[in-house]
Protein backbone atom coordinates (compact mmCIF):
# COMPACT_ATOMS: atom_id res chain seq x y z
CA UNK A 1 147.40 16.07 -19.92
CA UNK A 2 145.97 13.55 -17.47
CA UNK A 3 142.46 14.94 -17.97
CA UNK A 4 142.91 14.41 -21.72
CA UNK A 5 143.90 10.80 -21.11
CA UNK A 6 140.87 10.17 -18.96
CA UNK A 7 138.37 11.85 -21.30
CA UNK A 8 138.51 9.09 -23.91
CA UNK A 9 139.44 5.44 -23.76
CA UNK A 10 141.02 5.84 -27.21
CA UNK A 11 143.72 8.07 -25.70
CA UNK A 12 144.68 5.70 -22.90
CA UNK A 13 148.34 4.72 -22.90
CA UNK A 14 149.02 1.03 -23.43
CA UNK A 15 152.17 1.11 -21.27
CA UNK A 16 153.58 3.31 -18.50
CA UNK A 17 157.29 3.01 -17.67
CA UNK A 18 158.36 3.73 -14.10
CA UNK A 19 161.45 3.48 -11.93
CA UNK A 20 159.50 1.14 -9.61
CA UNK A 21 157.85 3.98 -7.73
CA UNK A 22 155.09 2.22 -5.79
CA UNK A 23 152.81 5.26 -5.77
CA UNK A 24 152.99 5.58 -9.55
CA UNK A 25 152.40 1.88 -10.04
CA UNK A 26 149.37 1.92 -7.71
CA UNK A 27 147.84 4.97 -9.41
CA UNK A 28 148.26 3.44 -12.85
CA UNK A 29 146.66 0.20 -11.67
CA UNK A 30 143.76 2.09 -10.07
CA UNK A 31 143.10 4.76 -12.70
CA UNK A 32 144.36 3.26 -15.96
CA UNK A 33 142.97 -0.27 -15.62
CA UNK A 34 144.00 -1.49 -19.07
CA UNK A 35 147.47 0.07 -19.02
CA UNK A 36 150.48 -2.17 -18.40
CA UNK A 37 153.18 -0.97 -16.00
CA UNK A 38 156.77 -1.72 -16.96
CA UNK A 39 159.94 -0.97 -15.05
CA UNK A 40 162.67 1.01 -16.75
CA UNK A 41 165.38 -1.04 -18.50
CA UNK A 42 168.11 1.14 -16.97
CA UNK A 43 166.82 0.75 -13.43
CA UNK A 44 166.35 -3.01 -13.73
CA UNK A 45 169.94 -3.40 -14.95
CA UNK A 46 171.25 -1.19 -12.15
CA UNK A 47 169.31 -3.17 -9.54
CA UNK A 48 170.56 -6.50 -10.92
CA UNK A 49 174.17 -5.28 -10.88
CA UNK A 50 173.86 -3.87 -7.33
CA UNK A 51 172.31 -7.13 -6.12
CA UNK A 52 175.07 -9.17 -7.81
CA UNK A 53 177.78 -7.08 -6.17
CA UNK A 54 176.21 -7.65 -2.75
CA UNK A 55 175.32 -11.34 -3.17
CA UNK A 56 178.10 -12.74 -5.36
CA UNK A 57 180.89 -12.81 -2.90
CA UNK A 58 183.29 -15.67 -3.52
CA UNK A 59 185.18 -17.20 -0.64
CA UNK A 60 188.87 -17.53 -1.34
CA UNK A 61 190.85 -19.91 0.82
CA UNK A 62 194.52 -19.01 0.96
CA UNK A 63 196.82 -21.90 0.08
CA UNK A 64 199.47 -20.65 2.45
CA UNK A 65 198.56 -19.68 5.99
CA UNK A 66 201.10 -16.85 5.80
CA UNK A 67 199.36 -15.15 2.89
CA UNK A 68 198.81 -11.52 3.71
CA UNK A 69 195.30 -10.19 4.18
CA UNK A 70 195.77 -7.71 1.32
CA UNK A 71 196.46 -10.56 -1.14
CA UNK A 72 193.35 -12.43 0.01
CA UNK A 73 191.22 -9.30 -0.45
CA UNK A 74 192.60 -8.77 -3.96
CA UNK A 75 191.94 -12.41 -4.89
CA UNK A 76 188.36 -12.13 -3.60
CA UNK A 77 187.84 -8.95 -5.60
CA UNK A 78 189.12 -10.58 -8.82
CA UNK A 79 186.94 -13.69 -8.41
CA UNK A 80 183.88 -11.66 -7.47
CA UNK A 81 184.38 -9.40 -10.46
CA UNK A 82 184.51 -12.43 -12.79
CA UNK A 83 181.28 -13.83 -11.36
CA UNK A 84 179.52 -10.47 -11.66
CA UNK A 85 180.78 -10.03 -15.23
CA UNK A 86 179.39 -13.46 -16.20
CA UNK A 87 176.01 -12.76 -14.62
CA UNK A 88 175.75 -9.31 -16.19
CA UNK A 89 176.75 -10.71 -19.58
CA UNK A 90 174.00 -13.34 -19.31
CA UNK A 91 171.57 -10.66 -18.14
CA UNK A 92 172.38 -8.49 -21.17
CA UNK A 93 172.00 -11.50 -23.49
CA UNK A 94 168.54 -12.05 -22.02
CA UNK A 95 167.45 -8.42 -22.34
CA UNK A 96 168.79 -8.04 -25.87
CA UNK A 97 167.29 -11.27 -27.20
CA UNK A 98 165.90 -10.55 -30.68
CA UNK A 99 163.48 -13.51 -30.69
CA UNK A 100 161.36 -15.48 -28.24
CA UNK A 101 163.57 -18.55 -28.79
CA UNK A 102 166.78 -16.68 -28.01
CA UNK A 103 165.08 -15.16 -24.94
CA UNK A 104 164.06 -18.62 -23.73
CA UNK A 105 167.56 -20.03 -24.22
CA UNK A 106 169.19 -17.02 -22.50
């Protein structure tokens, strides 16, 4: 199949979708000069969510010094979950924007 792609410029793909594999991206850039490389929608969303979970930790200060550690952990988890949900909702709004204007505003 690759030989068929290389035999005629008319058969060159306009876009190649990857999971961010550096080798693939480098080969496409080197061999298929006019082909755009895009990263898979699923993998981008997964990476954003994973990054949010790691980076969106919310500090919860207990009001009462005697608050048990378990309650503090649960409160942190609830607040973090809300932050992640808001970010992921905004992310989905951006990705699913039907127009350039809605994309810009998202």
